[in-house]
Amino acid sequence: MALDLKTAHKQFLEYLGSRRRARATIVAYGKDIEQLTSFLGNMGKKDITEVKREELEAFLKKLSADNYTPKSISRKINSMKTFYRFLKASSAVTVDPSLDIEHPKYEVKPPRVLSKLEYRALRDACRGDIRIHAIVELFLQTGIRIGELANLTLEDILDSELHVASQEGHEERNVPLNRAAKEAVGNYIRIRDKAAKSKALFITKTGRALLIRNIRTAIDRYFRIAGIEDAKVNDLRHTFIAHHLMAGTPITTLSKFVGHKRLSTTEKYLDLIKDKQVENVKLEEL
């Protein structure tokens, strides 16, 4: 039975949803495949079985001509290959035209870890903003993901722990709250609008949950204020992991704290810190 491009795209998204893939992954794959099917449609293709390797390669050449980076193109190839694996498994196609398409080579930069001075500069820069200061402390002292932080509720702040709810395939976990994090969050909760209807821990001035994009924008602003270059929000998580490994936290314990599914993911950070000297100070006082 013929399967048009639009329907193939829709069924692919439904498949990803049924596999409980992360929401961000579904959105990214969805946009990539929508871009691909739009390109194929403009080439006159209507049915997914009409598409050959040549058309896929033409799509990638168009991306390159439009100044997409090799890293971005590689990500789109991943989406394409996942798309065709789904189509082949569901018998929508008998031949996978993406099978022999190779990824472009590009340099993978190691995770960015804030230095001792950058760590202090960021905390000092946002100290006057009680809400953002609490957010930064949670990132630096617990290593949670930005999506996890955005989903925190008031009930997730326990006496000496932070409850991180199950989200997008990651199991729920409790993470210890040290003195710096407890103090910063406590200060924020005291000034948080008590009448806000949202149960979210971090809210806007109008009482609505603070969105991921709002958090990212705010942190980027304080990176600039602190004079920290080439840093992203996720680098605060990298910093937490790296500094705990340097301080001697058992890797199995740390892996559970940050919610890594595989211990090997945490082990990758060992290469990052092997040439760094251990800081003989408490983590929250860096």
C-alpha atoms as a PDB file:
ATOM      1  CA  MET A   1       0.000   0.000   0.000  1.00  0.00           C
ATOM      2  CA  ALA A   2       1.349   3.395  -1.052  1.00  0.00           C
ATOM      3  CA  LEU A   3       2.327   5.753   1.746  1.00  0.00           C
ATOM      4  CA  ASP A   4       2.469   9.465   0.990  1.00  0.00           C
ATOM      5  CA  LEU A   5       5.205  11.611   2.522  1.00  0.00           C
ATOM      6  CA  LYS A   6       2.914  13.498   4.918  1.00  0.00           C
ATOM      7  CA  THR A   7       1.401  10.302   6.322  1.00  0.00           C
ATOM      8  CA  ALA A   8       4.830   8.702   6.676  1.00  0.00           C
ATOM      9  CA  HIS A   9       5.969  11.723   8.689  1.00  0.00           C
ATOM     10  CA  LYS A  10       2.884  11.551  10.915  1.00  0.00           C
ATOM     11  CA  GLN A  11       3.253   7.821  11.560  1.00  0.00           C
ATOM     12  CA  PHE A  12       6.923   8.313  12.422  1.00  0.00           C
ATOM     13  CA  LEU A  13       6.051  10.874  15.108  1.00  0.00           C
ATOM     14  CA  GLU A  14       3.404   8.539  16.524  1.00  0.00           C
ATOM     15  CA  TYR A  15       6.000   5.760  16.629  1.00  0.00           C
ATOM     16  CA  LEU A  16       8.481   7.947  18.532  1.00  0.00           C
ATOM     17  CA  GLY A  17       5.755   8.847  20.997  1.00  0.00           C
ATOM     18  CA  SER A  18       4.868   5.191  21.538  1.00  0.00           C
ATOM     19  CA  ARG A  19       8.526   4.461  22.281  1.00  0.00           C
ATOM     20  CA  ARG A  20       8.500   7.143  24.987  1.00  0.00           C
ATOM     21  CA  ARG A  21      11.292   9.083  23.359  1.00  0.00           C
ATOM     22  CA  ALA A  22      12.164  12.408  24.970  1.00  0.00           C
ATOM     23  CA  ARG A  23       9.888  15.259  23.960  1.00  0.00           C
ATOM     24  CA  ALA A  24      12.848  17.301  22.734  1.00  0.00           C
ATOM     25  CA  THR A  25      13.967  14.349  20.594  1.00  0.00           C
ATOM     26  CA  ILE A  26      10.509  13.975  19.045  1.00  0.00           C
ATOM     27  CA  VAL A  27      10.366  17.695  18.246  1.00  0.00           C
ATOM     28  CA  ALA A  28      13.858  17.682  16.720  1.00  0.00           C
ATOM     29  CA  TYR A  29      13.278  14.536  14.641  1.00  0.00           C
ATOM     30  CA  GLY A  30       9.878  15.856  13.603  1.00  0.00           C
ATOM     31  CA  LYS A  31      11.323  19.109  12.286  1.00  0.00           C
ATOM     32  CA  ASP A  32      14.164  17.319  10.499  1.00  0.00           C
ATOM     33  CA  ILE A  33      11.837  14.883   8.725  1.00  0.00           C
ATOM     34  CA  GLU A  34       9.359  17.642   7.926  1.00  0.00           C
ATOM     35  CA  GLN A  35      12.206  19.527   6.250  1.00  0.00           C
ATOM     36  CA  LEU A  36      13.193  16.384   4.342  1.00  0.00           C
ATOM     37  CA  THR A  37       9.670  15.527   3.159  1.00  0.00           C
ATOM     38  CA  SER A  38       9.093  19.153   2.131  1.00  0.00           C
ATOM     39  CA  PHE A  39      12.258  19.012   0.005  1.00  0.00           C
ATOM     40  CA  LEU A  40      11.210  15.697  -1.534  1.00  0.00           C
ATOM     41  CA  GLY A  41       7.735  17.049  -2.246  1.00  0.00           C
ATOM     42  CA  ASN A  42       9.245  20.012  -4.083  1.00  0.00           C
ATOM     43  CA  MET A  43      11.167  17.500  -6.191  1.00  0.00           C
ATOM     44  CA  GLY A  44       7.857  15.965  -7.244  1.00  0.00           C
ATOM     45  CA  LYS A  45       7.966  12.944  -4.952  1.00  0.00           C
ATOM     46  CA  LYS A  46       4.612  11.903  -3.501  1.00  0.00           C
ATOM     47  CA  ASP A  47       5.067   8.358  -2.232  1.00  0.00           C
ATOM     48  CA  ILE A  48       7.825   7.333   0.181  1.00  0.00           C
ATOM     49  CA  THR A  49       8.768   4.366  -2.025  1.00  0.00           C
ATOM     50  CA  GLU A  50       9.678   6.747  -4.861  1.00  0.00           C
ATOM     51  CA  VAL A  51      12.599   8.204  -2.908  1.00  0.00           C
ATOM     52  CA  LYS A  52      16.084   7.024  -3.852  1.00  0.00           C
ATOM     53  CA  ARG A  53      19.496   7.631  -2.335  1.00  0.00           C
ATOM     54  CA  GLU A  54      20.167  10.331  -4.934  1.00  0.00           C
ATOM     55  CA  GLU A  55      17.296  12.465  -3.614  1.00  0.00           C
ATOM     56  CA  LEU A  56      18.516  12.094  -0.043  1.00  0.00           C
ATOM     57  CA  GLU A  57      22.015  13.137  -1.081  1.00  0.00           C
ATOM     58  CA  ALA A  58      20.547  16.119  -2.950  1.00  0.00           C
ATOM     59  CA  PHE A  59      18.814  17.135   0.277  1.00  0.00           C
ATOM     60  CA  LEU A  60      22.095  16.992   2.181  1.00  0.00           C
ATOM     61  CA  LYS A  61      23.863  19.027  -0.515  1.00  0.00           C
ATOM     62  CA  LYS A  62      21.121  21.648  -0.213  1.00  0.00           C
ATOM     63  CA  LEU A  63      21.711  21.816   3.531  1.00  0.00           C
ATOM     64  CA  SER A  64      25.415  22.334   2.966  1.00  0.00           C
ATOM     65  CA  ALA A  65      24.710  25.060   0.396  1.00  0.00           C
ATOM     66  CA  ASP A  66      22.446  26.732   2.965  1.00  0.00           C
ATOM     67  CA  ASN A  67      25.425  26.875   5.364  1.00  0.00           C
ATOM     68  CA  TYR A  68      24.317  24.187   7.800  1.00  0.00           C
ATOM     69  CA  THR A  69      27.281  23.033   9.876  1.00  0.00           C
ATOM     70  CA  PRO A  70      28.616  19.472   9.511  1.00  0.00           C
ATOM     71  CA  LYS A  71      27.349  18.795  13.048  1.00  0.00           C
ATOM     72  CA  SER A  72      23.813  19.928  12.138  1.00  0.00           C
ATOM     73  CA  ILE A  73      23.880  17.883   8.945  1.00  0.00           C
ATOM     74  CA  SER A  74      25.051  14.834  10.901  1.00  0.00           C
ATOM     75  CA  ARG A  75      22.108  15.246  13.271  1.00  0.00           C
ATOM     76  CA  LYS A  76      19.709  15.381  10.331  1.00  0.00           C
ATOM     77  CA  ILE A  77      21.276  12.221   8.917  1.00  0.00           C
ATOM     78  CA  ASN A  78      20.587  10.544  12.270  1.00  0.00           C
ATOM     79  CA  SER A  79      16.947  11.622  11.987  1.00  0.00           C
ATOM     80  CA  MET A  80      16.796  10.379   8.411  1.00  0.00           C
ATOM     81  CA  LYS A  81      18.278   6.977   9.251  1.00  0.00           C
ATOM     82  CA  THR A  82      15.919   6.570  12.228  1.00  0.00           C
ATOM     83  CA  PHE A  83      13.014   7.507   9.967  1.00  0.00           C
ATOM     84  CA  TYR A  84      13.941   4.874   7.398  1.00  0.00           C
ATOM     85  CA  ARG A  85      14.561   2.184  10.001  1.00  0.00           C
ATOM     86  CA  PHE A  86      11.006   2.781  11.159  1.00  0.00           C
ATOM     87  CA  LEU A  87       9.665   2.650   7.580  1.00  0.00           C
ATOM     88  CA  LYS A  88      11.517  -0.588   6.848  1.00  0.00           C
ATOM     89  CA  ALA A  89      10.408  -2.208  10.115  1.00  0.00           C
ATOM     90  CA  SER A  90       6.794  -1.279   9.365  1.00  0.00           C
ATOM     91  CA  SER A  91       7.133  -2.623   5.783  1.00  0.00           C
ATOM     92  CA  ALA A  92       6.403   0.811   4.279  1.00  0.00           C
ATOM     93  CA  VAL A  93       9.605   0.407   2.237  1.00  0.00           C
ATOM     94  CA  THR A  94      11.566  -2.677   1.257  1.00  0.00           C
ATOM     95  CA  VAL A  95      14.862  -0.857   0.611  1.00  0.00           C
ATOM     96  CA  ASP A  96      16.485   1.711   2.926  1.00  0.00           C
ATOM     97  CA  PRO A  97      18.048   4.427   0.706  1.00  0.00           C
ATOM     98  CA  SER A  98      19.748   6.052   3.718  1.00  0.00           C
ATOM     99  CA  LEU A  99      21.683   2.923   4.653  1.00  0.00           C
ATOM    100  CA  ASP A 100      25.024   3.800   3.029  1.00  0.00           C
ATOM    101  CA  ILE A 101      24.892   7.564   3.561  1.00  0.00           C
ATOM    102  CA  GLU A 102      27.912   8.592   5.631  1.00  0.00           C
ATOM    103  CA  HIS A 103      28.107  11.282   8.279  1.00  0.00           C
ATOM    104  CA  PRO A 104      30.332  14.304   7.601  1.00  0.00           C
ATOM    105  CA  LYS A 105      33.417  14.536   9.790  1.00  0.00           C
ATOM    106  CA  TYR A 106      33.551  17.256  12.402  1.00  0.00           C
ATOM    107  CA  GLU A 107      35.365  17.953  15.633  1.00  0.00           C
ATOM    108  CA  VAL A 108      33.481  17.050  18.796  1.00  0.00           C
ATOM    109  CA  LYS A 109      34.327  19.532  21.519  1.00  0.00           C
ATOM    110  CA  PRO A 110      34.711  18.122  25.031  1.00  0.00           C
ATOM    111  CA  PRO A 111      32.197  19.237  27.652  1.00  0.00           C
ATOM    112  CA  ARG A 112      32.827  22.760  28.930  1.00  0.00           C
ATOM    113  CA  VAL A 113      33.640  22.886  32.653  1.00  0.00           C
ATOM    114  CA  LEU A 114      33.650  26.212  34.434  1.00  0.00           C
ATOM    115  CA  SER A 115      36.920  27.143  36.081  1.00  0.00           C
ATOM    116  CA  LYS A 116      37.096  28.089  39.747  1.00  0.00           C
ATOM    117  CA  LEU A 117      37.062  31.806  38.826  1.00  0.00           C
ATOM    118  CA  GLU A 118      34.159  31.407  36.375  1.00  0.00           C
ATOM    119  CA  TYR A 119      32.212  29.407  38.958  1.00  0.00           C
ATOM    120  CA  ARG A 120      32.573  32.212  41.478  1.00  0.00           C
ATOM    121  CA  ALA A 121      31.954  34.958  38.913  1.00  0.00           C
ATOM    122  CA  LEU A 122      28.628  33.457  37.817  1.00  0.00           C
ATOM    123  CA  ARG A 123      27.390  33.040  41.379  1.00  0.00           C
ATOM    124  CA  ASP A 124      28.431  36.595  42.247  1.00  0.00           C
ATOM    125  CA  ALA A 125      26.846  38.046  39.092  1.00  0.00           C
ATOM    126  CA  CYS A 126      23.379  36.670  39.808  1.00  0.00           C
ATOM    127  CA  ARG A 127      23.388  36.927  43.607  1.00  0.00           C
ATOM    128  CA  GLY A 128      21.216  40.051  43.494  1.00  0.00           C
ATOM    129  CA  ASP A 129      18.531  38.240  41.458  1.00  0.00           C
ATOM    130  CA  ILE A 130      17.024  35.899  44.064  1.00  0.00           C
ATOM    131  CA  ARG A 131      15.128  33.705  41.593  1.00  0.00           C
ATOM    132  CA  ILE A 132      18.002  33.245  39.122  1.00  0.00           C
ATOM    133  CA  HIS A 133      20.461  32.807  41.972  1.00  0.00           C
ATOM    134  CA  ALA A 134      18.370  29.868  43.228  1.00  0.00           C
ATOM    135  CA  ILE A 135      18.262  28.405  39.716  1.00  0.00           C
ATOM    136  CA  VAL A 136      22.030  28.712  39.259  1.00  0.00           C
ATOM    137  CA  GLU A 137      22.691  27.134  42.655  1.00  0.00           C
ATOM    138  CA  LEU A 138      20.453  24.175  41.836  1.00  0.00           C
ATOM    139  CA  PHE A 139      22.285  23.647  38.560  1.00  0.00           C
ATOM    140  CA  LEU A 140      25.719  23.899  40.170  1.00  0.00           C
ATOM    141  CA  GLN A 141      24.943  21.987  43.370  1.00  0.00           C
ATOM    142  CA  THR A 142      22.701  19.188  42.031  1.00  0.00           C
ATOM    143  CA  GLY A 143      23.642  18.793  38.349  1.00  0.00           C
ATOM    144  CA  ILE A 144      20.014  18.481  37.197  1.00  0.00           C
ATOM    145  CA  ARG A 145      18.987  18.973  33.580  1.00  0.00           C
ATOM    146  CA  ILE A 146      17.267  22.170  32.469  1.00  0.00           C
ATOM    147  CA  GLY A 147      14.051  20.300  31.653  1.00  0.00           C
ATOM    148  CA  GLU A 148      14.075  18.733  35.107  1.00  0.00           C
ATOM    149  CA  LEU A 149      14.561  22.105  36.755  1.00  0.00           C
ATOM    150  CA  ALA A 150      11.704  23.652  34.765  1.00  0.00           C
ATOM    151  CA  ASN A 151       9.409  20.840  35.965  1.00  0.00           C
ATOM    152  CA  LEU A 152      10.218  21.192  39.673  1.00  0.00           C
ATOM    153  CA  THR A 153       7.316  21.909  41.999  1.00  0.00           C
ATOM    154  CA  LEU A 154       7.243  23.269  45.532  1.00  0.00           C
ATOM    155  CA  GLU A 155       6.640  19.728  46.787  1.00  0.00           C
ATOM    156  CA  ASP A 156       9.941  18.598  45.239  1.00  0.00           C
ATOM    157  CA  ILE A 157      11.937  20.628  47.762  1.00  0.00           C
ATOM    158  CA  LEU A 158      12.416  18.245  50.670  1.00  0.00           C
ATOM    159  CA  ASP A 159      14.296  18.819  53.916  1.00  0.00           C
ATOM    160  CA  SER A 160      17.759  17.887  52.699  1.00  0.00           C
ATOM    161  CA  GLU A 161      16.979  16.493  49.271  1.00  0.00           C
ATOM    162  CA  LEU A 162      15.623  17.518  45.915  1.00  0.00           C
ATOM    163  CA  HIS A 163      13.072  15.185  44.337  1.00  0.00           C
ATOM    164  CA  VAL A 164      13.499  14.949  40.567  1.00  0.00           C
ATOM    165  CA  ALA A 165      10.391  13.481  38.952  1.00  0.00           C
ATOM    166  CA  SER A 166      10.483  10.880  36.196  1.00  0.00           C
ATOM    167  CA  GLN A 167      10.669  12.657  32.859  1.00  0.00           C
ATOM    168  CA  GLU A 168      11.178  11.650  29.240  1.00  0.00           C
ATOM    169  CA  GLY A 169      12.573   8.203  29.951  1.00  0.00           C
ATOM    170  CA  HIS A 170      14.655   9.221  32.978  1.00  0.00           C
ATOM    171  CA  GLU A 171      13.737   7.570  36.269  1.00  0.00           C
ATOM    172  CA  GLU A 172      12.811   9.639  39.307  1.00  0.00           C
ATOM    173  CA  ARG A 173      15.547  10.217  41.849  1.00  0.00           C
ATOM    174  CA  ASN A 174      16.402  12.183  44.968  1.00  0.00           C
ATOM    175  CA  VAL A 175      19.503  14.368  44.996  1.00  0.00           C
ATOM    176  CA  PRO A 176      21.127  15.756  48.163  1.00  0.00           C
ATOM    177  CA  LEU A 177      20.709  19.498  48.747  1.00  0.00           C
ATOM    178  CA  ASN A 178      23.798  21.081  50.252  1.00  0.00           C
ATOM    179  CA  ARG A 179      23.883  24.258  52.324  1.00  0.00           C
ATOM    180  CA  ALA A 180      24.332  26.632  49.386  1.00  0.00           C
ATOM    181  CA  ALA A 181      21.419  25.177  47.415  1.00  0.00           C
ATOM    182  CA  LYS A 182      19.083  25.010  50.437  1.00  0.00           C
ATOM    183  CA  GLU A 183      19.808  28.607  51.374  1.00  0.00           C
ATOM    184  CA  ALA A 184      19.320  29.959  47.838  1.00  0.00           C
ATOM    185  CA  VAL A 185      16.080  28.053  47.245  1.00  0.00           C
ATOM    186  CA  GLY A 186      14.791  28.987  50.698  1.00  0.00           C
ATOM    187  CA  ASN A 187      15.418  32.672  50.004  1.00  0.00           C
ATOM    188  CA  TYR A 188      13.519  32.399  46.727  1.00  0.00           C
ATOM    189  CA  ILE A 189      10.537  30.553  48.217  1.00  0.00           C
ATOM    190  CA  ARG A 190      10.173  33.301  50.828  1.00  0.00           C
ATOM    191  CA  ILE A 191       9.662  35.941  48.113  1.00  0.00           C
ATOM    192  CA  ARG A 192       7.747  33.694  45.684  1.00  0.00           C
ATOM    193  CA  ASP A 193       4.143  34.806  45.067  1.00  0.00           C
ATOM    194  CA  LYS A 194       2.077  32.840  47.601  1.00  0.00           C
ATOM    195  CA  ALA A 195      -1.087  33.446  45.573  1.00  0.00           C
ATOM    196  CA  ALA A 196       0.299  31.965  42.352  1.00  0.00           C
ATOM    197  CA  LYS A 197      -1.912  29.199  40.964  1.00  0.00           C
ATOM    198  CA  SER A 198       0.976  27.355  39.344  1.00  0.00           C
ATOM    199  CA  LYS A 199       2.552  24.569  41.403  1.00  0.00           C
ATOM    200  CA  ALA A 200       5.837  25.093  39.586  1.00  0.00           C
ATOM    201  CA  LEU A 201       8.731  26.029  41.848  1.00  0.00           C
ATOM    202  CA  PHE A 202      10.006  28.748  39.529  1.00  0.00           C
ATOM    203  CA  ILE A 203       7.368  31.137  38.198  1.00  0.00           C
ATOM    204  CA  THR A 204       7.152  34.381  36.250  1.00  0.00           C
ATOM    205  CA  LYS A 205       5.940  37.707  37.642  1.00  0.00           C
ATOM    206  CA  THR A 206       2.455  36.786  36.413  1.00  0.00           C
ATOM    207  CA  GLY A 207       2.503  33.505  38.342  1.00  0.00           C
ATOM    208  CA  ARG A 208       3.027  31.159  35.417  1.00  0.00           C
ATOM    209  CA  ALA A 209       5.635  28.413  35.251  1.00  0.00           C
ATOM    210  CA  LEU A 210       9.014  29.617  34.069  1.00  0.00           C
ATOM    211  CA  LEU A 211       9.678  27.970  30.688  1.00  0.00           C
ATOM    212  CA  ILE A 212      12.911  26.355  29.541  1.00  0.00           C
ATOM    213  CA  ARG A 213      13.538  29.138  27.056  1.00  0.00           C
ATOM    214  CA  ASN A 214      13.111  31.744  29.819  1.00  0.00           C
ATOM    215  CA  ILE A 215      15.624  29.917  31.993  1.00  0.00           C
ATOM    216  CA  ARG A 216      18.110  29.558  29.143  1.00  0.00           C
ATOM    217  CA  THR A 217      17.838  33.243  28.212  1.00  0.00           C
ATOM    218  CA  ALA A 218      18.342  34.354  31.810  1.00  0.00           C
ATOM    219  CA  ILE A 219      21.404  32.150  32.355  1.00  0.00           C
ATOM    220  CA  ASP A 220      22.931  33.296  29.063  1.00  0.00           C
ATOM    221  CA  ARG A 221      22.478  36.899  30.233  1.00  0.00           C
ATOM    222  CA  TYR A 222      24.345  36.215  33.460  1.00  0.00           C
ATOM    223  CA  PHE A 223      27.096  34.398  31.586  1.00  0.00           C
ATOM    224  CA  ARG A 224      27.651  37.660  29.700  1.00  0.00           C
ATOM    225  CA  ILE A 225      27.516  39.743  32.874  1.00  0.00           C
ATOM    226  CA  ALA A 226      30.056  37.438  34.534  1.00  0.00           C
ATOM    227  CA  GLY A 227      32.326  37.601  31.471  1.00  0.00           C
ATOM    228  CA  ILE A 228      32.058  33.861  30.813  1.00  0.00           C
ATOM    229  CA  GLU A 229      32.466  33.080  27.116  1.00  0.00           C
ATOM    230  CA  ASP A 230      31.376  30.063  25.063  1.00  0.00           C
ATOM    231  CA  ALA A 231      29.293  28.585  27.882  1.00  0.00           C
ATOM    232  CA  LYS A 232      25.803  27.083  27.805  1.00  0.00           C
ATOM    233  CA  VAL A 233      23.329  26.093  30.497  1.00  0.00           C
ATOM    234  CA  ASN A 234      24.230  22.399  30.193  1.00  0.00           C
ATOM    235  CA  ASP A 235      27.831  23.298  31.046  1.00  0.00           C
ATOM    236  CA  LEU A 236      26.676  23.867  34.624  1.00  0.00           C
ATOM    237  CA  ARG A 237      25.742  20.168  34.734  1.00  0.00           C
ATOM    238  CA  HIS A 238      29.136  19.269  33.242  1.00  0.00           C
ATOM    239  CA  THR A 239      30.773  21.394  35.936  1.00  0.00           C
ATOM    240  CA  PHE A 240      28.879  19.612  38.710  1.00  0.00           C
ATOM    241  CA  ILE A 241      29.930  16.199  37.423  1.00  0.00           C
ATOM    242  CA  ALA A 242      33.571  17.125  36.822  1.00  0.00           C
ATOM    243  CA  HIS A 243      34.086  18.806  40.194  1.00  0.00           C
ATOM    244  CA  HIS A 244      32.482  15.917  42.080  1.00  0.00           C
ATOM    245  CA  LEU A 245      34.754  13.436  40.322  1.00  0.00           C
ATOM    246  CA  MET A 246      37.774  15.584  41.180  1.00  0.00           C
ATOM    247  CA  ALA A 247      36.570  15.755  44.795  1.00  0.00           C
ATOM    248  CA  GLY A 248      36.449  11.964  44.982  1.00  0.00           C
ATOM    249  CA  THR A 249      32.714  11.260  44.822  1.00  0.00           C
ATOM    250  CA  PRO A 250      32.293   7.560  43.875  1.00  0.00           C
ATOM    251  CA  ILE A 251      31.372   7.321  40.212  1.00  0.00           C
ATOM    252  CA  THR A 252      28.458   4.954  40.908  1.00  0.00           C
ATOM    253  CA  THR A 253      26.984   7.424  43.404  1.00  0.00           C
ATOM    254  CA  LEU A 254      27.492  10.369  41.076  1.00  0.00           C
ATOM    255  CA  SER A 255      25.904   8.519  38.168  1.00  0.00           C
ATOM    256  CA  LYS A 256      22.743   8.044  40.255  1.00  0.00           C
ATOM    257  CA  PHE A 257      22.739  11.690  41.363  1.00  0.00           C
ATOM    258  CA  VAL A 258      22.754  13.011  37.789  1.00  0.00           C
ATOM    259  CA  GLY A 259      20.378  10.395  36.419  1.00  0.00           C
ATOM    260  CA  HIS A 260      22.663   8.753  33.875  1.00  0.00           C
ATOM    261  CA  LYS A 261      21.126   5.549  32.500  1.00  0.00           C
ATOM    262  CA  ARG A 262      24.547   3.994  31.961  1.00  0.00           C
ATOM    263  CA  LEU A 263      27.643   4.221  34.122  1.00  0.00           C
ATOM    264  CA  SER A 264      29.706   4.559  30.942  1.00  0.00           C
ATOM    265  CA  THR A 265      28.170   8.008  30.378  1.00  0.00           C
ATOM    266  CA  THR A 266      29.582   9.227  33.684  1.00  0.00           C
ATOM    267  CA  GLU A 267      32.915   7.495  33.047  1.00  0.00           C
ATOM    268  CA  LYS A 268      33.465   9.647  29.946  1.00  0.00           C
ATOM    269  CA  TYR A 269      34.107  12.585  32.260  1.00  0.00           C
ATOM    270  CA  LEU A 270      37.161  10.849  33.707  1.00  0.00           C
ATOM    271  CA  ASP A 271      39.150  11.708  30.566  1.00  0.00           C
ATOM    272  CA  LEU A 272      38.030  15.321  30.954  1.00  0.00           C
ATOM    273  CA  ILE A 273      39.480  15.700  34.443  1.00  0.00           C
ATOM    274  CA  LYS A 274      42.547  13.453  34.310  1.00  0.00           C
ATOM    275  CA  ASP A 275      44.897  16.393  33.696  1.00  0.00           C
ATOM    276  CA  LYS A 276      43.197  18.718  36.167  1.00  0.00           C
ATOM    277  CA  GLN A 277      44.328  19.166  39.751  1.00  0.00           C
ATOM    278  CA  VAL A 278      41.885  18.485  42.563  1.00  0.00           C
ATOM    279  CA  GLU A 279      40.551  21.665  44.149  1.00  0.00           C
ATOM    280  CA  ASN A 280      41.037  21.378  47.910  1.00  0.00           C
ATOM    281  CA  VAL A 281      37.854  23.306  48.726  1.00  0.00           C
ATOM    282  CA  LYS A 282      34.209  22.483  49.334  1.00  0.00           C
ATOM    283  CA  LEU A 283      32.217  22.356  46.132  1.00  0.00           C
ATOM    284  CA  GLU A 284      29.746  25.074  47.160  1.00  0.00           C
ATOM    285  CA  GLU A 285      32.658  27.371  48.019  1.00  0.00           C
ATOM    286  CA  LEU A 286      34.451  27.124  44.693  1.00  0.00           C
END
